[in-house]
Amino acid sequence: GLSQHQDALGSYQQAIEAYDEALARAPDYINALNNKGLALQSLGDLQRGLSQHQDALASWQAALTEFEHSLELAPGDEYIRRRRDQLQESLDGLEYDSESSP
């Protein structure tokens, strides 16, 4: 139920905070960047499912930023490139949907 969703939201927030702490110590740590991006993307997915659309959009945009930073440091990381591209396509689709709505 809802309490499980609240627990999941809390878990994602804790994970993101842990990655922030790691990145404060080592800003170019690829694994922390990638995992923070993945946690943000999953948080956005959960928020969308809870009809928290603005929060979901913000989480996905933050994930995209983390993926972009990671790819600046490791341009050959195809897994993150695919995740970034898929997320960007989804965000582009949302923008198109909101523009075409009356």
PDB file of N, CA and C in Angstrom:
ATOM      1  N   GLY A   1       0.791  -1.171   0.000  1.00  0.00           N
ATOM      2  CA  GLY A   1       0.000   0.000   0.000  1.00  0.00           C
ATOM      3  C   GLY A   1       0.853   1.263   0.000  1.00  0.00           C
ATOM      4  N   LEU A   2       0.220   2.300   0.440  1.00  0.00           N
ATOM      5  CA  LEU A   2       0.857   3.609   0.445  1.00  0.00           C
ATOM      6  C   LEU A   2       2.099   3.639   1.326  1.00  0.00           C
ATOM      7  N   SER A   3       2.077   2.914   2.447  1.00  0.00           N
ATOM      8  CA  SER A   3       3.245   2.933   3.331  1.00  0.00           C
ATOM      9  C   SER A   3       4.462   2.338   2.638  1.00  0.00           C
ATOM     10  N   GLN A   4       4.269   1.346   1.787  1.00  0.00           N
ATOM     11  CA  GLN A   4       5.384   0.779   1.039  1.00  0.00           C
ATOM     12  C   GLN A   4       5.946   1.800   0.057  1.00  0.00           C
ATOM     13  N   HIS A   5       5.072   2.577  -0.553  1.00  0.00           N
ATOM     14  CA  HIS A   5       5.526   3.623  -1.466  1.00  0.00           C
ATOM     15  C   HIS A   5       6.298   4.694  -0.703  1.00  0.00           C
ATOM     16  N   GLN A   6       5.809   5.034   0.489  1.00  0.00           N
ATOM     17  CA  GLN A   6       6.510   6.023   1.305  1.00  0.00           C
ATOM     18  C   GLN A   6       7.881   5.501   1.722  1.00  0.00           C
ATOM     19  N   ASP A   7       7.956   4.213   2.063  1.00  0.00           N
ATOM     20  CA  ASP A   7       9.244   3.604   2.409  1.00  0.00           C
ATOM     21  C   ASP A   7      10.190   3.637   1.217  1.00  0.00           C
ATOM     22  N   ALA A   8       9.655   3.358   0.039  1.00  0.00           N
ATOM     23  CA  ALA A   8      10.482   3.379  -1.173  1.00  0.00           C
ATOM     24  C   ALA A   8      10.976   4.791  -1.455  1.00  0.00           C
ATOM     25  N   LEU A   9      10.098   5.782  -1.316  1.00  0.00           N
ATOM     26  CA  LEU A   9      10.527   7.177  -1.510  1.00  0.00           C
ATOM     27  C   LEU A   9      11.662   7.521  -0.555  1.00  0.00           C
ATOM     28  N   GLY A  10      11.521   7.124   0.696  1.00  0.00           N
ATOM     29  CA  GLY A  10      12.563   7.383   1.691  1.00  0.00           C
ATOM     30  C   GLY A  10      13.865   6.683   1.348  1.00  0.00           C
ATOM     31  N   SER A  11      13.759   5.469   0.867  1.00  0.00           N
ATOM     32  CA  SER A  11      14.965   4.711   0.493  1.00  0.00           C
ATOM     33  C   SER A  11      15.693   5.369  -0.672  1.00  0.00           C
ATOM     34  N   TYR A  12      14.947   5.820  -1.666  1.00  0.00           N
ATOM     35  CA  TYR A  12      15.584   6.505  -2.793  1.00  0.00           C
ATOM     36  C   TYR A  12      16.249   7.801  -2.323  1.00  0.00           C
ATOM     37  N   GLN A  13      15.575   8.532  -1.444  1.00  0.00           N
ATOM     38  CA  GLN A  13      16.157   9.778  -0.944  1.00  0.00           C
ATOM     39  C   GLN A  13      17.447   9.508  -0.179  1.00  0.00           C
ATOM     40  N   GLN A  14      17.453   8.460   0.634  1.00  0.00           N
ATOM     41  CA  GLN A  14      18.660   8.102   1.380  1.00  0.00           C
ATOM     42  C   GLN A  14      19.788   7.712   0.435  1.00  0.00           C
ATOM     43  N   ALA A  15      19.470   6.953  -0.584  1.00  0.00           N
ATOM     44  CA  ALA A  15      20.489   6.550  -1.552  1.00  0.00           C
ATOM     45  C   ALA A  15      21.066   7.771  -2.258  1.00  0.00           C
ATOM     46  N   ILE A  16      20.211   8.676  -2.666  1.00  0.00           N
ATOM     47  CA  ILE A  16      20.662   9.881  -3.365  1.00  0.00           C
ATOM     48  C   ILE A  16      21.551  10.713  -2.451  1.00  0.00           C
ATOM     49  N   GLU A  17      21.182  10.830  -1.180  1.00  0.00           N
ATOM     50  CA  GLU A  17      22.013  11.560  -0.216  1.00  0.00           C
ATOM     51  C   GLU A  17      23.374  10.893  -0.044  1.00  0.00           C
ATOM     52  N   ALA A  18      23.398   9.569  -0.020  1.00  0.00           N
ATOM     53  CA  ALA A  18      24.666   8.850   0.106  1.00  0.00           C
ATOM     54  C   ALA A  18      25.548   9.100  -1.121  1.00  0.00           C
ATOM     55  N   TYR A  19      24.940   9.095  -2.312  1.00  0.00           N
ATOM     56  CA  TYR A  19      25.717   9.384  -3.513  1.00  0.00           C
ATOM     57  C   TYR A  19      26.215  10.826  -3.509  1.00  0.00           C
ATOM     58  N   ASP A  20      25.385  11.744  -3.015  1.00  0.00           N
ATOM     59  CA  ASP A  20      25.822  13.141  -2.905  1.00  0.00           C
ATOM     60  C   ASP A  20      27.046  13.260  -2.000  1.00  0.00           C
ATOM     61  N   GLU A  21      27.026  12.528  -0.894  1.00  0.00           N
ATOM     62  CA  GLU A  21      28.161  12.558   0.029  1.00  0.00           C
ATOM     63  C   GLU A  21      29.417  11.994  -0.636  1.00  0.00           C
ATOM     64  N   ALA A  22      29.253  10.884  -1.336  1.00  0.00           N
ATOM     65  CA  ALA A  22      30.396  10.304  -2.040  1.00  0.00           C
ATOM     66  C   ALA A  22      30.925  11.263  -3.099  1.00  0.00           C
ATOM     67  N   LEU A  23      30.027  11.927  -3.820  1.00  0.00           N
ATOM     68  CA  LEU A  23      30.435  12.842  -4.880  1.00  0.00           C
ATOM     69  C   LEU A  23      31.036  14.124  -4.317  1.00  0.00           C
ATOM     70  N   ALA A  24      30.687  14.503  -3.102  1.00  0.00           N
ATOM     71  CA  ALA A  24      31.315  15.658  -2.467  1.00  0.00           C
ATOM     72  C   ALA A  24      32.787  15.367  -2.199  1.00  0.00           C
ATOM     73  N   ARG A  25      33.091  14.110  -1.950  1.00  0.00           N
ATOM     74  CA  ARG A  25      34.475  13.696  -1.677  1.00  0.00           C
ATOM     75  C   ARG A  25      35.246  13.381  -2.954  1.00  0.00           C
ATOM     76  N   ALA A  26      34.526  12.862  -3.941  1.00  0.00           N
ATOM     77  CA  ALA A  26      35.166  12.474  -5.209  1.00  0.00           C
ATOM     78  C   ALA A  26      34.200  12.815  -6.342  1.00  0.00           C
ATOM     79  N   PRO A  27      34.197  14.080  -6.794  1.00  0.00           N
ATOM     80  CA  PRO A  27      33.193  14.550  -7.763  1.00  0.00           C
ATOM     81  C   PRO A  27      33.167  13.799  -9.095  1.00  0.00           C
ATOM     82  N   ASP A  28      34.249  13.154  -9.443  1.00  0.00           N
ATOM     83  CA  ASP A  28      34.312  12.467 -10.730  1.00  0.00           C
ATOM     84  C   ASP A  28      34.242  10.945 -10.597  1.00  0.00           C
ATOM     85  N   TYR A  29      33.684  10.474  -9.497  1.00  0.00           N
ATOM     86  CA  TYR A  29      33.555   9.036  -9.262  1.00  0.00           C
ATOM     87  C   TYR A  29      32.402   8.499 -10.112  1.00  0.00           C
ATOM     88  N   ILE A  30      32.767   7.852 -11.194  1.00  0.00           N
ATOM     89  CA  ILE A  30      31.803   7.406 -12.203  1.00  0.00           C
ATOM     90  C   ILE A  30      30.697   6.528 -11.617  1.00  0.00           C
ATOM     91  N   ASN A  31      31.060   5.563 -10.784  1.00  0.00           N
ATOM     92  CA  ASN A  31      30.034   4.671 -10.239  1.00  0.00           C
ATOM     93  C   ASN A  31      29.007   5.439  -9.420  1.00  0.00           C
ATOM     94  N   ALA A  32      29.447   6.410  -8.634  1.00  0.00           N
ATOM     95  CA  ALA A  32      28.501   7.208  -7.839  1.00  0.00           C
ATOM     96  C   ALA A  32      27.615   8.054  -8.756  1.00  0.00           C
ATOM     97  N   LEU A  33      28.195   8.630  -9.803  1.00  0.00           N
ATOM     98  CA  LEU A  33      27.405   9.413 -10.757  1.00  0.00           C
ATOM     99  C   LEU A  33      26.342   8.541 -11.423  1.00  0.00           C
ATOM    100  N   ASN A  34      26.776   7.386 -11.907  1.00  0.00           N
ATOM    101  CA  ASN A  34      25.846   6.479 -12.585  1.00  0.00           C
ATOM    102  C   ASN A  34      24.738   6.016 -11.649  1.00  0.00           C
ATOM    103  N   ASN A  35      25.132   5.600 -10.446  1.00  0.00           N
ATOM    104  CA  ASN A  35      24.141   5.080  -9.508  1.00  0.00           C
ATOM    105  C   ASN A  35      23.201   6.168  -9.014  1.00  0.00           C
ATOM    106  N   LYS A  36      23.706   7.381  -8.850  1.00  0.00           N
ATOM    107  CA  LYS A  36      22.818   8.480  -8.473  1.00  0.00           C
ATOM    108  C   LYS A  36      21.806   8.734  -9.589  1.00  0.00           C
ATOM    109  N   GLY A  37      22.283   8.710 -10.833  1.00  0.00           N
ATOM    110  CA  GLY A  37      21.372   8.883 -11.964  1.00  0.00           C
ATOM    111  C   GLY A  37      20.306   7.800 -12.002  1.00  0.00           C
ATOM    112  N   LEU A  38      20.710   6.572 -11.773  1.00  0.00           N
ATOM    113  CA  LEU A  38      19.754   5.463 -11.768  1.00  0.00           C
ATOM    114  C   LEU A  38      18.752   5.593 -10.625  1.00  0.00           C
ATOM    115  N   ALA A  39      19.235   6.014  -9.444  1.00  0.00           N
ATOM    116  CA  ALA A  39      18.330   6.202  -8.305  1.00  0.00           C
ATOM    117  C   ALA A  39      17.345   7.328  -8.587  1.00  0.00           C
ATOM    118  N   LEU A  40      17.825   8.411  -9.182  1.00  0.00           N
ATOM    119  CA  LEU A  40      16.931   9.522  -9.529  1.00  0.00           C
ATOM    120  C   LEU A  40      15.899   9.105 -10.563  1.00  0.00           C
ATOM    121  N   GLN A  41      16.334   8.306 -11.533  1.00  0.00           N
ATOM    122  CA  GLN A  41      15.393   7.845 -12.550  1.00  0.00           C
ATOM    123  C   GLN A  41      14.329   6.943 -11.924  1.00  0.00           C
ATOM    124  N   SER A  42      14.736   6.044 -11.052  1.00  0.00           N
ATOM    125  CA  SER A  42      13.784   5.162 -10.378  1.00  0.00           C
ATOM    126  C   SER A  42      12.854   5.951  -9.460  1.00  0.00           C
ATOM    127  N   LEU A  43      13.392   6.961  -8.793  1.00  0.00           N
ATOM    128  CA  LEU A  43      12.561   7.824  -7.964  1.00  0.00           C
ATOM    129  C   LEU A  43      11.507   8.508  -8.828  1.00  0.00           C
ATOM    130  N   GLY A  44      11.909   9.000  -9.974  1.00  0.00           N
ATOM    131  CA  GLY A  44      10.960   9.628 -10.892  1.00  0.00           C
ATOM    132  C   GLY A  44       9.879   8.663 -11.344  1.00  0.00           C
ATOM    133  N   ASP A  45      10.260   7.432 -11.614  1.00  0.00           N
ATOM    134  CA  ASP A  45       9.278   6.423 -12.010  1.00  0.00           C
ATOM    135  C   ASP A  45       8.250   6.197 -10.897  1.00  0.00           C
ATOM    136  N   LEU A  46       8.741   6.106  -9.664  1.00  0.00           N
ATOM    137  CA  LEU A  46       7.845   5.922  -8.527  1.00  0.00           C
ATOM    138  C   LEU A  46       6.933   7.140  -8.346  1.00  0.00           C
ATOM    139  N   GLN A  47       7.515   8.325  -8.457  1.00  0.00           N
ATOM    140  CA  GLN A  47       6.720   9.546  -8.317  1.00  0.00           C
ATOM    141  C   GLN A  47       5.641   9.632  -9.391  1.00  0.00           C
ATOM    142  N   ARG A  48       5.972   9.233 -10.609  1.00  0.00           N
ATOM    143  CA  ARG A  48       4.968   9.223 -11.669  1.00  0.00           C
ATOM    144  C   ARG A  48       3.825   8.287 -11.291  1.00  0.00           C
ATOM    145  N   GLY A  49       4.165   7.121 -10.772  1.00  0.00           N
ATOM    146  CA  GLY A  49       3.146   6.163 -10.362  1.00  0.00           C
ATOM    147  C   GLY A  49       2.267   6.675  -9.233  1.00  0.00           C
ATOM    148  N   LEU A  50       2.796   7.607  -8.448  1.00  0.00           N
ATOM    149  CA  LEU A  50       2.035   8.203  -7.350  1.00  0.00           C
ATOM    150  C   LEU A  50       1.361   9.505  -7.766  1.00  0.00           C
ATOM    151  N   SER A  51       1.363   9.775  -9.075  1.00  0.00           N
ATOM    152  CA  SER A  51       0.768  10.995  -9.650  1.00  0.00           C
ATOM    153  C   SER A  51       1.433  12.277  -9.151  1.00  0.00           C
ATOM    154  N   GLN A  52       2.708  12.184  -8.807  1.00  0.00           N
ATOM    155  CA  GLN A  52       3.502  13.356  -8.421  1.00  0.00           C
ATOM    156  C   GLN A  52       4.298  13.793  -9.657  1.00  0.00           C
ATOM    157  N   HIS A  53       3.571  14.277 -10.655  1.00  0.00           N
ATOM    158  CA  HIS A  53       4.146  14.491 -11.972  1.00  0.00           C
ATOM    159  C   HIS A  53       5.263  15.533 -11.993  1.00  0.00           C
ATOM    160  N   GLN A  54       5.108  16.631 -11.295  1.00  0.00           N
ATOM    161  CA  GLN A  54       6.156  17.661 -11.285  1.00  0.00           C
ATOM    162  C   GLN A  54       7.415  17.141 -10.605  1.00  0.00           C
ATOM    163  N   ASP A  55       7.241  16.407  -9.503  1.00  0.00           N
ATOM    164  CA  ASP A  55       8.388  15.822  -8.812  1.00  0.00           C
ATOM    165  C   ASP A  55       9.073  14.793  -9.704  1.00  0.00           C
ATOM    166  N   ALA A  56       8.276  14.000 -10.417  1.00  0.00           N
ATOM    167  CA  ALA A  56       8.844  12.998 -11.319  1.00  0.00           C
ATOM    168  C   ALA A  56       9.671  13.664 -12.403  1.00  0.00           C
ATOM    169  N   LEU A  57       9.135  14.706 -12.980  1.00  0.00           N
ATOM    170  CA  LEU A  57       9.861  15.428 -14.027  1.00  0.00           C
ATOM    171  C   LEU A  57      11.176  15.978 -13.491  1.00  0.00           C
ATOM    172  N   ALA A  58      11.148  16.550 -12.301  1.00  0.00           N
ATOM    173  CA  ALA A  58      12.373  17.088 -11.695  1.00  0.00           C
ATOM    174  C   ALA A  58      13.395  15.981 -11.437  1.00  0.00           C
ATOM    175  N   SER A  59      12.938  14.833 -10.975  1.00  0.00           N
ATOM    176  CA  SER A  59      13.847  13.706 -10.723  1.00  0.00           C
ATOM    177  C   SER A  59      14.468  13.201 -12.017  1.00  0.00           C
ATOM    178  N   TRP A  60      13.647  13.084 -13.059  1.00  0.00           N
ATOM    179  CA  TRP A  60      14.172  12.613 -14.345  1.00  0.00           C
ATOM    180  C   TRP A  60      15.169  13.604 -14.939  1.00  0.00           C
ATOM    181  N   GLN A  61      14.881  14.889 -14.805  1.00  0.00           N
ATOM    182  CA  GLN A  61      15.817  15.890 -15.322  1.00  0.00           C
ATOM    183  C   GLN A  61      17.125  15.855 -14.542  1.00  0.00           C
ATOM    184  N   ALA A  62      17.046  15.634 -13.233  1.00  0.00           N
ATOM    185  CA  ALA A  62      18.261  15.513 -12.425  1.00  0.00           C
ATOM    186  C   ALA A  62      19.043  14.265 -12.819  1.00  0.00           C
ATOM    187  N   ALA A  63      18.336  13.168 -13.104  1.00  0.00           N
ATOM    188  CA  ALA A  63      19.006  11.945 -13.553  1.00  0.00           C
ATOM    189  C   ALA A  63      19.729  12.197 -14.869  1.00  0.00           C
ATOM    190  N   LEU A  64      19.075  12.894 -15.766  1.00  0.00           N
ATOM    191  CA  LEU A  64      19.679  13.216 -17.059  1.00  0.00           C
ATOM    192  C   LEU A  64      20.969  14.008 -16.868  1.00  0.00           C
ATOM    193  N   THR A  65      20.961  14.947 -15.937  1.00  0.00           N
ATOM    194  CA  THR A  65      22.161  15.735 -15.641  1.00  0.00           C
ATOM    195  C   THR A  65      23.293  14.839 -15.140  1.00  0.00           C
ATOM    196  N   GLU A  66      22.978  13.895 -14.269  1.00  0.00           N
ATOM    197  CA  GLU A  66      24.002  12.982 -13.753  1.00  0.00           C
ATOM    198  C   GLU A  66      24.558  12.111 -14.879  1.00  0.00           C
ATOM    199  N   PHE A  67      23.676  11.609 -15.743  1.00  0.00           N
ATOM    200  CA  PHE A  67      24.139  10.787 -16.861  1.00  0.00           C
ATOM    201  C   PHE A  67      25.032  11.594 -17.801  1.00  0.00           C
ATOM    202  N   GLU A  68      24.661  12.843 -18.051  1.00  0.00           N
ATOM    203  CA  GLU A  68      25.469  13.704 -18.923  1.00  0.00           C
ATOM    204  C   GLU A  68      26.857  13.915 -18.331  1.00  0.00           C
ATOM    205  N   HIS A  69      26.913  14.194 -17.034  1.00  0.00           N
ATOM    206  CA  HIS A  69      28.210  14.394 -16.380  1.00  0.00           C
ATOM    207  C   HIS A  69      29.048  13.129 -16.462  1.00  0.00           C
ATOM    208  N   SER A  70      28.422  12.005 -16.226  1.00  0.00           N
ATOM    209  CA  SER A  70      29.124  10.729 -16.298  1.00  0.00           C
ATOM    210  C   SER A  70      29.690  10.501 -17.697  1.00  0.00           C
ATOM    211  N   LEU A  71      28.896  10.820 -18.717  1.00  0.00           N
ATOM    212  CA  LEU A  71      29.359  10.609 -20.096  1.00  0.00           C
ATOM    213  C   LEU A  71      30.452  11.598 -20.496  1.00  0.00           C
ATOM    214  N   GLU A  72      30.492  12.761 -19.862  1.00  0.00           N
ATOM    215  CA  GLU A  72      31.610  13.673 -20.113  1.00  0.00           C
ATOM    216  C   GLU A  72      32.916  13.052 -19.631  1.00  0.00           C
ATOM    217  N   LEU A  73      32.846  12.319 -18.523  1.00  0.00           N
ATOM    218  CA  LEU A  73      34.040  11.692 -17.949  1.00  0.00           C
ATOM    219  C   LEU A  73      34.373  10.353 -18.594  1.00  0.00           C
ATOM    220  N   ALA A  74      33.347   9.645 -19.023  1.00  0.00           N
ATOM    221  CA  ALA A  74      33.538   8.316 -19.613  1.00  0.00           C
ATOM    222  C   ALA A  74      32.645   8.194 -20.843  1.00  0.00           C
ATOM    223  N   PRO A  75      33.039   8.847 -21.946  1.00  0.00           N
ATOM    224  CA  PRO A  75      32.176   8.854 -23.136  1.00  0.00           C
ATOM    225  C   PRO A  75      31.927   7.476 -23.743  1.00  0.00           C
ATOM    226  N   GLY A  76      32.709   6.501 -23.393  1.00  0.00           N
ATOM    227  CA  GLY A  76      32.536   5.161 -23.945  1.00  0.00           C
ATOM    228  C   GLY A  76      31.596   4.273 -23.153  1.00  0.00           C
ATOM    229  N   ASP A  77      30.985   4.780 -22.107  1.00  0.00           N
ATOM    230  CA  ASP A  77      30.085   3.983 -21.273  1.00  0.00           C
ATOM    231  C   ASP A  77      28.747   3.826 -21.996  1.00  0.00           C
ATOM    232  N   GLU A  78      28.614   2.743 -22.742  1.00  0.00           N
ATOM    233  CA  GLU A  78      27.430   2.533 -23.577  1.00  0.00           C
ATOM    234  C   GLU A  78      26.171   2.279 -22.760  1.00  0.00           C
ATOM    235  N   TYR A  79      26.304   1.657 -21.603  1.00  0.00           N
ATOM    236  CA  TYR A  79      25.131   1.407 -20.766  1.00  0.00           C
ATOM    237  C   TYR A  79      24.511   2.737 -20.338  1.00  0.00           C
ATOM    238  N   ILE A  80      25.319   3.634 -19.838  1.00  0.00           N
ATOM    239  CA  ILE A  80      24.803   4.928 -19.398  1.00  0.00           C
ATOM    240  C   ILE A  80      24.332   5.751 -20.598  1.00  0.00           C
ATOM    241  N   ARG A  81      25.017   5.645 -21.719  1.00  0.00           N
ATOM    242  CA  ARG A  81      24.570   6.355 -22.915  1.00  0.00           C
ATOM    243  C   ARG A  81      23.156   5.895 -23.308  1.00  0.00           C
ATOM    244  N   ARG A  82      22.919   4.585 -23.282  1.00  0.00           N
ATOM    245  CA  ARG A  82      21.581   4.066 -23.614  1.00  0.00           C
ATOM    246  C   ARG A  82      20.540   4.547 -22.604  1.00  0.00           C
ATOM    247  N   ARG A  83      20.891   4.497 -21.317  1.00  0.00           N
ATOM    248  CA  ARG A  83      19.956   4.978 -20.290  1.00  0.00           C
ATOM    249  C   ARG A  83      19.646   6.451 -20.498  1.00  0.00           C
ATOM    250  N   ARG A  84      20.676   7.243 -20.784  1.00  0.00           N
ATOM    251  CA  ARG A  84      20.495   8.673 -21.014  1.00  0.00           C
ATOM    252  C   ARG A  84      19.606   8.907 -22.226  1.00  0.00           C
ATOM    253  N   ASP A  85      19.894   8.197 -23.313  1.00  0.00           N
ATOM    254  CA  ASP A  85      19.120   8.377 -24.540  1.00  0.00           C
ATOM    255  C   ASP A  85      17.657   7.984 -24.346  1.00  0.00           C
ATOM    256  N   GLN A  86      17.411   6.884 -23.644  1.00  0.00           N
ATOM    257  CA  GLN A  86      16.039   6.449 -23.389  1.00  0.00           C
ATOM    258  C   GLN A  86      15.304   7.467 -22.525  1.00  0.00           C
ATOM    259  N   LEU A  87      15.989   7.968 -21.503  1.00  0.00           N
ATOM    260  CA  LEU A  87      15.377   8.961 -20.625  1.00  0.00           C
ATOM    261  C   LEU A  87      15.094  10.247 -21.388  1.00  0.00           C
ATOM    262  N   GLN A  88      16.035  10.662 -22.237  1.00  0.00           N
ATOM    263  CA  GLN A  88      15.828  11.877 -23.025  1.00  0.00           C
ATOM    264  C   GLN A  88      14.637  11.713 -23.970  1.00  0.00           C
ATOM    265  N   GLU A  89      14.511  10.560 -24.602  1.00  0.00           N
ATOM    266  CA  GLU A  89      13.364  10.302 -25.480  1.00  0.00           C
ATOM    267  C   GLU A  89      12.053  10.376 -24.702  1.00  0.00           C
ATOM    268  N   SER A  90      12.043   9.822 -23.497  1.00  0.00           N
ATOM    269  CA  SER A  90      10.837   9.879 -22.670  1.00  0.00           C
ATOM    270  C   SER A  90      10.500  11.320 -22.304  1.00  0.00           C
ATOM    271  N   LEU A  91      11.510  12.089 -21.925  1.00  0.00           N
ATOM    272  CA  LEU A  91      11.273  13.490 -21.580  1.00  0.00           C
ATOM    273  C   LEU A  91      10.808  14.283 -22.790  1.00  0.00           C
ATOM    274  N   ASP A  92      11.398  14.007 -23.949  1.00  0.00           N
ATOM    275  CA  ASP A  92      10.964  14.681 -25.175  1.00  0.00           C
ATOM    276  C   ASP A  92       9.507  14.353 -25.474  1.00  0.00           C
ATOM    277  N   GLY A  93       9.105  13.100 -25.247  1.00  0.00           N
ATOM    278  CA  GLY A  93       7.731  12.694 -25.464  1.00  0.00           C
ATOM    279  C   GLY A  93       6.775  13.407 -24.524  1.00  0.00           C
ATOM    280  N   LEU A  94       7.193  13.610 -23.282  1.00  0.00           N
ATOM    281  CA  LEU A  94       6.356  14.339 -22.323  1.00  0.00           C
ATOM    282  C   LEU A  94       6.179  15.785 -22.755  1.00  0.00           C
ATOM    283  N   GLU A  95       7.255  16.413 -23.223  1.00  0.00           N
ATOM    284  CA  GLU A  95       7.166  17.788 -23.686  1.00  0.00           C
ATOM    285  C   GLU A  95       6.244  17.894 -24.885  1.00  0.00           C
ATOM    286  N   TYR A  96       6.336  16.926 -25.798  1.00  0.00           N
ATOM    287  CA  TYR A  96       5.473  16.930 -26.969  1.00  0.00           C
ATOM    288  C   TYR A  96       4.016  16.786 -26.555  1.00  0.00           C
ATOM    289  N   ASP A  97       3.759  15.849 -25.604  1.00  0.00           N
ATOM    290  CA  ASP A  97       2.381  15.635 -25.139  1.00  0.00           C
ATOM    291  C   ASP A  97       1.803  16.882 -24.507  1.00  0.00           C
ATOM    292  N   SER A  98       2.616  17.583 -23.691  1.00  0.00           N
ATOM    293  CA  SER A  98       2.091  18.781 -23.016  1.00  0.00           C
ATOM    294  C   SER A  98       1.892  19.925 -23.995  1.00  0.00           C
ATOM    295  N   GLU A  99       2.701  19.992 -25.063  1.00  0.00           N
ATOM    296  CA  GLU A  99       2.537  21.039 -26.066  1.00  0.00           C
ATOM    297  C   GLU A  99       1.311  20.787 -26.932  1.00  0.00           C
ATOM    298  N   SER A 100       0.992  19.519 -27.183  1.00  0.00           N
ATOM    299  CA  SER A 100      -0.126  19.201 -28.073  1.00  0.00           C
ATOM    300  C   SER A 100      -1.462  19.146 -27.316  1.00  0.00           C
ATOM    301  N   SER A 101      -1.412  19.203 -25.982  1.00  0.00           N
ATOM    302  CA  SER A 101      -2.655  19.193 -25.210  1.00  0.00           C
ATOM    303  C   SER A 101      -3.323  20.563 -25.290  1.00  0.00           C
ATOM    304  N   PRO A 102      -4.651  20.573 -25.305  1.00  0.00           N
ATOM    305  CA  PRO A 102      -5.373  21.868 -25.389  1.00  0.00           C
ATOM    306  C   PRO A 102      -5.258  22.656 -24.106  1.00  0.00           C
TER     307      PRO A 102
END
